[in-house]
Amino acid sequence: MTVVKINRLAVPAGQAAELEKRFAARKHSVDGAPGFEGFELLRPVAGEERYFVLTRWADEESFRAWADQREARDPSTTVSRAEGMLEFEVVDLE
């Protein structure tokens, strides 16, 4: 069952362009992960100040396998602060 993970990112004033540039530079870095189906970076335009990173995975196991093997980032090198993750399953309406 496809799962969706949405990371909430707080971005300090004046850092939005840098955040987008960094995501653009590594937009295909997860493409080869088993079960990865795609991602989108969502820019706030109304009612929200945070950015959201939406990823789709074939199943929970694929996401966990990728998350467990990735290296933690040095907080001093980031331009955003993670503020939690929303998690969903895609409902099959058949």
PDB file of N, CA and C in Angstrom:
ATOM      1  N   MET A   1       0.840  -1.179   0.000  1.00  0.00           N
ATOM      2  CA  MET A   1       0.000   0.000   0.000  1.00  0.00           C
ATOM      3  C   MET A   1       0.887   1.243   0.000  1.00  0.00           C
ATOM      4  N   THR A   2       0.640   2.156  -0.909  1.00  0.00           N
ATOM      5  CA  THR A   2       1.421   3.386  -0.984  1.00  0.00           C
ATOM      6  C   THR A   2       1.256   4.201   0.289  1.00  0.00           C
ATOM      7  N   VAL A   3       2.378   4.736   0.780  1.00  0.00           N
ATOM      8  CA  VAL A   3       2.342   5.621   1.943  1.00  0.00           C
ATOM      9  C   VAL A   3       2.931   6.971   1.541  1.00  0.00           C
ATOM     10  N   VAL A   4       2.461   8.008   2.231  1.00  0.00           N
ATOM     11  CA  VAL A   4       2.912   9.372   1.995  1.00  0.00           C
ATOM     12  C   VAL A   4       3.476   9.912   3.297  1.00  0.00           C
ATOM     13  N   LYS A   5       4.647  10.515   3.215  1.00  0.00           N
ATOM     14  CA  LYS A   5       5.288  11.146   4.364  1.00  0.00           C
ATOM     15  C   LYS A   5       5.436  12.622   4.037  1.00  0.00           C
ATOM     16  N   ILE A   6       5.032  13.479   4.967  1.00  0.00           N
ATOM     17  CA  ILE A   6       5.129  14.921   4.754  1.00  0.00           C
ATOM     18  C   ILE A   6       5.926  15.528   5.900  1.00  0.00           C
ATOM     19  N   ASN A   7       7.117  16.003   5.575  1.00  0.00           N
ATOM     20  CA  ASN A   7       7.965  16.660   6.568  1.00  0.00           C
ATOM     21  C   ASN A   7       7.666  18.154   6.575  1.00  0.00           C
ATOM     22  N   ARG A   8       7.493  18.701   7.770  1.00  0.00           N
ATOM     23  CA  ARG A   8       7.274  20.140   7.935  1.00  0.00           C
ATOM     24  C   ARG A   8       8.618  20.801   8.211  1.00  0.00           C
ATOM     25  N   LEU A   9       8.937  21.855   7.453  1.00  0.00           N
ATOM     26  CA  LEU A   9      10.209  22.545   7.608  1.00  0.00           C
ATOM     27  C   LEU A   9       9.995  24.017   7.910  1.00  0.00           C
ATOM     28  N   ALA A  10      10.537  24.482   9.024  1.00  0.00           N
ATOM     29  CA  ALA A  10      10.551  25.912   9.334  1.00  0.00           C
ATOM     30  C   ALA A  10      11.790  26.491   8.661  1.00  0.00           C
ATOM     31  N   VAL A  11      11.597  27.568   7.926  1.00  0.00           N
ATOM     32  CA  VAL A  11      12.691  28.187   7.186  1.00  0.00           C
ATOM     33  C   VAL A  11      12.840  29.628   7.662  1.00  0.00           C
ATOM     34  N   PRO A  12      14.010  29.983   8.168  1.00  0.00           N
ATOM     35  CA  PRO A  12      14.210  31.357   8.643  1.00  0.00           C
ATOM     36  C   PRO A  12      14.012  32.374   7.520  1.00  0.00           C
ATOM     37  N   ALA A  13      13.593  33.569   7.898  1.00  0.00           N
ATOM     38  CA  ALA A  13      13.401  34.650   6.923  1.00  0.00           C
ATOM     39  C   ALA A  13      14.663  34.818   6.086  1.00  0.00           C
ATOM     40  N   GLY A  14      14.467  34.960   4.803  1.00  0.00           N
ATOM     41  CA  GLY A  14      15.572  35.179   3.888  1.00  0.00           C
ATOM     42  C   GLY A  14      16.286  33.919   3.423  1.00  0.00           C
ATOM     43  N   GLN A  15      15.863  32.737   3.880  1.00  0.00           N
ATOM     44  CA  GLN A  15      16.535  31.491   3.517  1.00  0.00           C
ATOM     45  C   GLN A  15      15.753  30.620   2.537  1.00  0.00           C
ATOM     46  N   ALA A  16      14.573  31.056   2.129  1.00  0.00           N
ATOM     47  CA  ALA A  16      13.727  30.230   1.261  1.00  0.00           C
ATOM     48  C   ALA A  16      14.417  29.899  -0.067  1.00  0.00           C
ATOM     49  N   ALA A  17      15.027  30.896  -0.698  1.00  0.00           N
ATOM     50  CA  ALA A  17      15.689  30.652  -1.992  1.00  0.00           C
ATOM     51  C   ALA A  17      16.826  29.641  -1.835  1.00  0.00           C
ATOM     52  N   GLU A  18      17.568  29.724  -0.739  1.00  0.00           N
ATOM     53  CA  GLU A  18      18.668  28.786  -0.498  1.00  0.00           C
ATOM     54  C   GLU A  18      18.130  27.374  -0.281  1.00  0.00           C
ATOM     55  N   LEU A  19      17.033  27.259   0.467  1.00  0.00           N
ATOM     56  CA  LEU A  19      16.417  25.948   0.678  1.00  0.00           C
ATOM     57  C   LEU A  19      16.019  25.329  -0.662  1.00  0.00           C
ATOM     58  N   GLU A  20      15.348  26.093  -1.491  1.00  0.00           N
ATOM     59  CA  GLU A  20      14.903  25.593  -2.798  1.00  0.00           C
ATOM     60  C   GLU A  20      16.095  25.216  -3.675  1.00  0.00           C
ATOM     61  N   LYS A  21      17.147  25.996  -3.642  1.00  0.00           N
ATOM     62  CA  LYS A  21      18.353  25.704  -4.411  1.00  0.00           C
ATOM     63  C   LYS A  21      18.969  24.378  -3.962  1.00  0.00           C
ATOM     64  N   ARG A  22      19.026  24.154  -2.667  1.00  0.00           N
ATOM     65  CA  ARG A  22      19.609  22.909  -2.155  1.00  0.00           C
ATOM     66  C   ARG A  22      18.761  21.700  -2.518  1.00  0.00           C
ATOM     67  N   PHE A  23      17.440  21.832  -2.446  1.00  0.00           N
ATOM     68  CA  PHE A  23      16.584  20.720  -2.849  1.00  0.00           C
ATOM     69  C   PHE A  23      16.720  20.444  -4.342  1.00  0.00           C
ATOM     70  N   ALA A  24      16.827  21.496  -5.148  1.00  0.00           N
ATOM     71  CA  ALA A  24      16.987  21.308  -6.595  1.00  0.00           C
ATOM     72  C   ALA A  24      18.288  20.562  -6.901  1.00  0.00           C
ATOM     73  N   ALA A  25      19.338  20.855  -6.150  1.00  0.00           N
ATOM     74  CA  ALA A  25      20.639  20.230  -6.391  1.00  0.00           C
ATOM     75  C   ALA A  25      20.633  18.739  -6.078  1.00  0.00           C
ATOM     76  N   ARG A  26      19.728  18.300  -5.227  1.00  0.00           N
ATOM     77  CA  ARG A  26      19.711  16.868  -4.871  1.00  0.00           C
ATOM     78  C   ARG A  26      18.353  16.215  -5.136  1.00  0.00           C
ATOM     79  N   LYS A  27      17.609  16.760  -6.075  1.00  0.00           N
ATOM     80  CA  LYS A  27      16.246  16.279  -6.293  1.00  0.00           C
ATOM     81  C   LYS A  27      16.155  14.826  -6.755  1.00  0.00           C
ATOM     82  N   HIS A  28      17.216  14.282  -7.303  1.00  0.00           N
ATOM     83  CA  HIS A  28      17.176  12.880  -7.742  1.00  0.00           C
ATOM     84  C   HIS A  28      17.962  11.960  -6.818  1.00  0.00           C
ATOM     85  N   SER A  29      18.370  12.448  -5.668  1.00  0.00           N
ATOM     86  CA  SER A  29      19.238  11.665  -4.784  1.00  0.00           C
ATOM     87  C   SER A  29      18.545  10.453  -4.161  1.00  0.00           C
ATOM     88  N   VAL A  30      17.229  10.430  -4.144  1.00  0.00           N
ATOM     89  CA  VAL A  30      16.503   9.305  -3.544  1.00  0.00           C
ATOM     90  C   VAL A  30      15.894   8.404  -4.621  1.00  0.00           C
ATOM     91  N   ASP A  31      15.994   8.802  -5.871  1.00  0.00           N
ATOM     92  CA  ASP A  31      15.337   8.071  -6.957  1.00  0.00           C
ATOM     93  C   ASP A  31      15.641   6.574  -6.964  1.00  0.00           C
ATOM     94  N   GLY A  32      16.847   6.188  -6.615  1.00  0.00           N
ATOM     95  CA  GLY A  32      17.228   4.781  -6.678  1.00  0.00           C
ATOM     96  C   GLY A  32      16.825   3.955  -5.468  1.00  0.00           C
ATOM     97  N   ALA A  33      16.245   4.580  -4.468  1.00  0.00           N
ATOM     98  CA  ALA A  33      15.855   3.839  -3.259  1.00  0.00           C
ATOM     99  C   ALA A  33      14.690   2.903  -3.588  1.00  0.00           C
ATOM    100  N   PRO A  34      14.794   1.629  -3.210  1.00  0.00           N
ATOM    101  CA  PRO A  34      13.695   0.695  -3.475  1.00  0.00           C
ATOM    102  C   PRO A  34      12.382   1.197  -2.865  1.00  0.00           C
ATOM    103  N   GLY A  35      11.344   1.209  -3.683  1.00  0.00           N
ATOM    104  CA  GLY A  35      10.023   1.608  -3.214  1.00  0.00           C
ATOM    105  C   GLY A  35       9.738   3.092  -3.277  1.00  0.00           C
ATOM    106  N   PHE A  36      10.737   3.910  -3.615  1.00  0.00           N
ATOM    107  CA  PHE A  36      10.524   5.358  -3.707  1.00  0.00           C
ATOM    108  C   PHE A  36       9.720   5.672  -4.954  1.00  0.00           C
ATOM    109  N   GLU A  37       8.664   6.457  -4.811  1.00  0.00           N
ATOM    110  CA  GLU A  37       7.794   6.780  -5.941  1.00  0.00           C
ATOM    111  C   GLU A  37       7.861   8.242  -6.360  1.00  0.00           C
ATOM    112  N   GLY A  38       8.387   9.125  -5.516  1.00  0.00           N
ATOM    113  CA  GLY A  38       8.518  10.521  -5.917  1.00  0.00           C
ATOM    114  C   GLY A  38       8.425  11.469  -4.735  1.00  0.00           C
ATOM    115  N   PHE A  39       8.787  12.718  -5.016  1.00  0.00           N
ATOM    116  CA  PHE A  39       8.708  13.734  -3.976  1.00  0.00           C
ATOM    117  C   PHE A  39       8.371  15.088  -4.573  1.00  0.00           C
ATOM    118  N   GLU A  40       7.851  15.965  -3.736  1.00  0.00           N
ATOM    119  CA  GLU A  40       7.576  17.349  -4.108  1.00  0.00           C
ATOM    120  C   GLU A  40       7.958  18.245  -2.941  1.00  0.00           C
ATOM    121  N   LEU A  41       8.517  19.393  -3.256  1.00  0.00           N
ATOM    122  CA  LEU A  41       8.782  20.429  -2.270  1.00  0.00           C
ATOM    123  C   LEU A  41       7.668  21.451  -2.416  1.00  0.00           C
ATOM    124  N   LEU A  42       6.921  21.676  -1.340  1.00  0.00           N
ATOM    125  CA  LEU A  42       5.777  22.582  -1.385  1.00  0.00           C
ATOM    126  C   LEU A  42       6.123  23.901  -0.707  1.00  0.00           C
ATOM    127  N   ARG A  43       6.001  25.003  -1.467  1.00  0.00           N
ATOM    128  CA  ARG A  43       6.282  26.351  -0.974  1.00  0.00           C
ATOM    129  C   ARG A  43       4.992  26.961  -0.421  1.00  0.00           C
ATOM    130  N   PRO A  44       5.042  27.560   0.757  1.00  0.00           N
ATOM    131  CA  PRO A  44       3.832  28.162   1.317  1.00  0.00           C
ATOM    132  C   PRO A  44       3.444  29.438   0.557  1.00  0.00           C
ATOM    133  N   VAL A  45       2.145  29.592   0.333  1.00  0.00           N
ATOM    134  CA  VAL A  45       1.660  30.815  -0.316  1.00  0.00           C
ATOM    135  C   VAL A  45       0.547  31.494   0.480  1.00  0.00           C
ATOM    136  N   ALA A  46      -0.178  30.734   1.294  1.00  0.00           N
ATOM    137  CA  ALA A  46      -1.249  31.326   2.105  1.00  0.00           C
ATOM    138  C   ALA A  46      -1.573  30.400   3.264  1.00  0.00           C
ATOM    139  N   GLY A  47      -1.737  30.968   4.437  1.00  0.00           N
ATOM    140  CA  GLY A  47      -2.179  30.201   5.585  1.00  0.00           C
ATOM    141  C   GLY A  47      -1.117  29.364   6.266  1.00  0.00           C
ATOM    142  N   GLU A  48       0.107  29.450   5.799  1.00  0.00           N
ATOM    143  CA  GLU A  48       1.187  28.621   6.346  1.00  0.00           C
ATOM    144  C   GLU A  48       2.508  29.294   6.031  1.00  0.00           C
ATOM    145  N   GLU A  49       3.474  29.166   6.931  1.00  0.00           N
ATOM    146  CA  GLU A  49       4.803  29.735   6.697  1.00  0.00           C
ATOM    147  C   GLU A  49       5.855  28.661   6.456  1.00  0.00           C
ATOM    148  N   ARG A  50       5.547  27.432   6.812  1.00  0.00           N
ATOM    149  CA  ARG A  50       6.507  26.346   6.654  1.00  0.00           C
ATOM    150  C   ARG A  50       6.468  25.774   5.242  1.00  0.00           C
ATOM    151  N   TYR A  51       7.590  25.208   4.851  1.00  0.00           N
ATOM    152  CA  TYR A  51       7.658  24.403   3.643  1.00  0.00           C
ATOM    153  C   TYR A  51       7.269  22.980   4.030  1.00  0.00           C
ATOM    154  N   PHE A  52       6.792  22.217   3.054  1.00  0.00           N
ATOM    155  CA  PHE A  52       6.478  20.810   3.267  1.00  0.00           C
ATOM    156  C   PHE A  52       7.198  19.995   2.204  1.00  0.00           C
ATOM    157  N   VAL A  53       7.760  18.871   2.616  1.00  0.00           N
ATOM    158  CA  VAL A  53       8.388  17.934   1.687  1.00  0.00           C
ATOM    159  C   VAL A  53       7.519  16.689   1.679  1.00  0.00           C
ATOM    160  N   LEU A  54       6.883  16.430   0.544  1.00  0.00           N
ATOM    161  CA  LEU A  54       5.968  15.302   0.397  1.00  0.00           C
ATOM    162  C   LEU A  54       6.686  14.192  -0.359  1.00  0.00           C
ATOM    163  N   THR A  55       6.755  13.006   0.244  1.00  0.00           N
ATOM    164  CA  THR A  55       7.334  11.854  -0.449  1.00  0.00           C
ATOM    165  C   THR A  55       6.315  10.725  -0.492  1.00  0.00           C
ATOM    166  N   ARG A  56       6.395   9.955  -1.569  1.00  0.00           N
ATOM    167  CA  ARG A  56       5.530   8.783  -1.749  1.00  0.00           C
ATOM    168  C   ARG A  56       6.411   7.550  -1.812  1.00  0.00           C
ATOM    169  N   TRP A  57       5.968   6.497  -1.104  1.00  0.00           N
ATOM    170  CA  TRP A  57       6.698   5.232  -1.033  1.00  0.00           C
ATOM    171  C   TRP A  57       5.734   4.087  -1.321  1.00  0.00           C
ATOM    172  N   ALA A  58       6.243   3.022  -1.913  1.00  0.00           N
ATOM    173  CA  ALA A  58       5.415   1.858  -2.236  1.00  0.00           C
ATOM    174  C   ALA A  58       4.798   1.245  -0.985  1.00  0.00           C
ATOM    175  N   ASP A  59       5.530   1.316   0.133  1.00  0.00           N
ATOM    176  CA  ASP A  59       5.028   0.759   1.386  1.00  0.00           C
ATOM    177  C   ASP A  59       5.866   1.293   2.544  1.00  0.00           C
ATOM    178  N   GLU A  60       5.403   1.053   3.743  1.00  0.00           N
ATOM    179  CA  GLU A  60       6.084   1.525   4.951  1.00  0.00           C
ATOM    180  C   GLU A  60       7.490   0.927   5.072  1.00  0.00           C
ATOM    181  N   GLU A  61       7.637  -0.327   4.701  1.00  0.00           N
ATOM    182  CA  GLU A  61       8.928  -0.988   4.800  1.00  0.00           C
ATOM    183  C   GLU A  61       9.985  -0.309   3.926  1.00  0.00           C
ATOM    184  N   SER A  62       9.593   0.130   2.744  1.00  0.00           N
ATOM    185  CA  SER A  62      10.530   0.830   1.855  1.00  0.00           C
ATOM    186  C   SER A  62      10.981   2.143   2.476  1.00  0.00           C
ATOM    187  N   PHE A  63      10.025   2.886   3.023  1.00  0.00           N
ATOM    188  CA  PHE A  63      10.393   4.144   3.675  1.00  0.00           C
ATOM    189  C   PHE A  63      11.327   3.897   4.846  1.00  0.00           C
ATOM    190  N   ARG A  64      10.997   2.941   5.703  1.00  0.00           N
ATOM    191  CA  ARG A  64      11.817   2.656   6.896  1.00  0.00           C
ATOM    192  C   ARG A  64      13.229   2.217   6.499  1.00  0.00           C
ATOM    193  N   ALA A  65      13.342   1.387   5.466  1.00  0.00           N
ATOM    194  CA  ALA A  65      14.660   0.928   5.021  1.00  0.00           C
ATOM    195  C   ALA A  65      15.504   2.122   4.576  1.00  0.00           C
ATOM    196  N   TRP A  66      14.908   3.041   3.831  1.00  0.00           N
ATOM    197  CA  TRP A  66      15.641   4.236   3.398  1.00  0.00           C
ATOM    198  C   TRP A  66      15.990   5.120   4.597  1.00  0.00           C
ATOM    199  N   ALA A  67      15.024   5.372   5.471  1.00  0.00           N
ATOM    200  CA  ALA A  67      15.251   6.248   6.621  1.00  0.00           C
ATOM    201  C   ALA A  67      16.322   5.690   7.553  1.00  0.00           C
ATOM    202  N   ASP A  68      16.344   4.379   7.725  1.00  0.00           N
ATOM    203  CA  ASP A  68      17.306   3.759   8.637  1.00  0.00           C
ATOM    204  C   ASP A  68      18.743   3.827   8.123  1.00  0.00           C
ATOM    205  N   GLN A  69      18.935   3.908   6.806  1.00  0.00           N
ATOM    206  CA  GLN A  69      20.287   3.904   6.268  1.00  0.00           C
ATOM    207  C   GLN A  69      20.833   5.287   5.961  1.00  0.00           C
ATOM    208  N   ARG A  70      19.998   6.301   5.980  1.00  0.00           N
ATOM    209  CA  ARG A  70      20.508   7.629   5.624  1.00  0.00           C
ATOM    210  C   ARG A  70      21.284   8.254   6.776  1.00  0.00           C
ATOM    211  N   GLU A  71      22.218   9.102   6.411  1.00  0.00           N
ATOM    212  CA  GLU A  71      23.062   9.746   7.399  1.00  0.00           C
ATOM    213  C   GLU A  71      22.396  11.013   7.914  1.00  0.00           C
ATOM    214  N   ALA A  72      22.565  11.267   9.198  1.00  0.00           N
ATOM    215  CA  ALA A  72      22.026  12.490   9.795  1.00  0.00           C
ATOM    216  C   ALA A  72      22.813  13.687   9.264  1.00  0.00           C
ATOM    217  N   ARG A  73      22.114  14.790   9.076  1.00  0.00           N
ATOM    218  CA  ARG A  73      22.764  16.015   8.616  1.00  0.00           C
ATOM    219  C   ARG A  73      23.249  16.825   9.805  1.00  0.00           C
ATOM    220  N   ASP A  74      24.351  17.497   9.609  1.00  0.00           N
ATOM    221  CA  ASP A  74      24.885  18.395  10.620  1.00  0.00           C
ATOM    222  C   ASP A  74      23.956  19.612  10.689  1.00  0.00           C
ATOM    223  N   PRO A  75      23.310  19.855  11.826  1.00  0.00           N
ATOM    224  CA  PRO A  75      22.369  20.984  11.941  1.00  0.00           C
ATOM    225  C   PRO A  75      22.985  22.343  11.604  1.00  0.00           C
ATOM    226  N   SER A  76      24.279  22.485  11.765  1.00  0.00           N
ATOM    227  CA  SER A  76      24.910  23.773  11.470  1.00  0.00           C
ATOM    228  C   SER A  76      25.010  24.042   9.968  1.00  0.00           C
ATOM    229  N   THR A  77      24.736  23.036   9.143  1.00  0.00           N
ATOM    230  CA  THR A  77      24.833  23.207   7.693  1.00  0.00           C
ATOM    231  C   THR A  77      23.464  23.319   7.020  1.00  0.00           C
ATOM    232  N   THR A  78      22.387  23.272   7.788  1.00  0.00           N
ATOM    233  CA  THR A  78      21.046  23.302   7.203  1.00  0.00           C
ATOM    234  C   THR A  78      20.466  24.712   7.232  1.00  0.00           C
ATOM    235  N   VAL A  79      19.496  24.953   6.357  1.00  0.00           N
ATOM    236  CA  VAL A  79      18.817  26.251   6.328  1.00  0.00           C
ATOM    237  C   VAL A  79      17.368  26.124   6.793  1.00  0.00           C
ATOM    238  N   SER A  80      17.015  24.980   7.350  1.00  0.00           N
ATOM    239  CA  SER A  80      15.659  24.779   7.843  1.00  0.00           C
ATOM    240  C   SER A  80      15.709  23.949   9.120  1.00  0.00           C
ATOM    241  N   ARG A  81      14.572  23.915   9.797  1.00  0.00           N
ATOM    242  CA  ARG A  81      14.453  23.109  11.010  1.00  0.00           C
ATOM    243  C   ARG A  81      13.236  22.199  10.849  1.00  0.00           C
ATOM    244  N   ALA A  82      13.457  20.905  11.008  1.00  0.00           N
ATOM    245  CA  ALA A  82      12.355  19.950  10.899  1.00  0.00           C
ATOM    246  C   ALA A  82      11.393  20.150  12.056  1.00  0.00           C
ATOM    247  N   GLU A  83      10.116  20.161  11.751  1.00  0.00           N
ATOM    248  CA  GLU A  83       9.081  20.327  12.767  1.00  0.00           C
ATOM    249  C   GLU A  83       8.093  19.171  12.757  1.00  0.00           C
ATOM    250  N   GLY A  84       8.599  17.976  12.530  1.00  0.00           N
ATOM    251  CA  GLY A  84       7.745  16.797  12.580  1.00  0.00           C
ATOM    252  C   GLY A  84       7.322  16.304  11.222  1.00  0.00           C
ATOM    253  N   MET A  85       6.687  15.149  11.248  1.00  0.00           N
ATOM    254  CA  MET A  85       6.262  14.499  10.021  1.00  0.00           C
ATOM    255  C   MET A  85       4.808  14.057  10.135  1.00  0.00           C
ATOM    256  N   LEU A  86       4.078  14.268   9.059  1.00  0.00           N
ATOM    257  CA  LEU A  86       2.729  13.726   8.924  1.00  0.00           C
ATOM    258  C   LEU A  86       2.850  12.441   8.116  1.00  0.00           C
ATOM    259  N   GLU A  87       2.056  11.423   8.450  1.00  0.00           N
ATOM    260  CA  GLU A  87       2.156  10.140   7.775  1.00  0.00           C
ATOM    261  C   GLU A  87       0.765   9.669   7.355  1.00  0.00           C
ATOM    262  N   PHE A  88       0.659   9.176   6.119  1.00  0.00           N
ATOM    263  CA  PHE A  88      -0.618   8.752   5.564  1.00  0.00           C
ATOM    264  C   PHE A  88      -0.475   7.479   4.762  1.00  0.00           C
ATOM    265  N   GLU A  89      -1.564   6.739   4.632  1.00  0.00           N
ATOM    266  CA  GLU A  89      -1.683   5.662   3.661  1.00  0.00           C
ATOM    267  C   GLU A  89      -2.628   6.145   2.585  1.00  0.00           C
ATOM    268  N   VAL A  90      -2.341   5.795   1.336  1.00  0.00           N
ATOM    269  CA  VAL A  90      -3.223   6.158   0.243  1.00  0.00           C
ATOM    270  C   VAL A  90      -4.369   5.148   0.216  1.00  0.00           C
ATOM    271  N   VAL A  91      -5.577   5.640   0.250  1.00  0.00           N
ATOM    272  CA  VAL A  91      -6.766   4.796   0.289  1.00  0.00           C
ATOM    273  C   VAL A  91      -7.089   4.304  -1.124  1.00  0.00           C
ATOM    274  N   ASP A  92      -7.191   3.011  -1.275  1.00  0.00           N
ATOM    275  CA  ASP A  92      -7.600   2.423  -2.548  1.00  0.00           C
ATOM    276  C   ASP A  92      -9.126   2.490  -2.592  1.00  0.00           C
ATOM    277  N   LEU A  93      -9.656   3.258  -3.513  1.00  0.00           N
ATOM    278  CA  LEU A  93     -11.103   3.475  -3.587  1.00  0.00           C
ATOM    279  C   LEU A  93     -11.795   2.533  -4.561  1.00  0.00           C
ATOM    280  N   GLU A  94     -11.126   1.485  -4.941  1.00  0.00           N
ATOM    281  CA  GLU A  94     -11.719   0.487  -5.850  1.00  0.00           C
ATOM    282  C   GLU A  94     -12.749  -0.337  -5.114  1.00  0.00           C
TER     283      GLU A  94
END
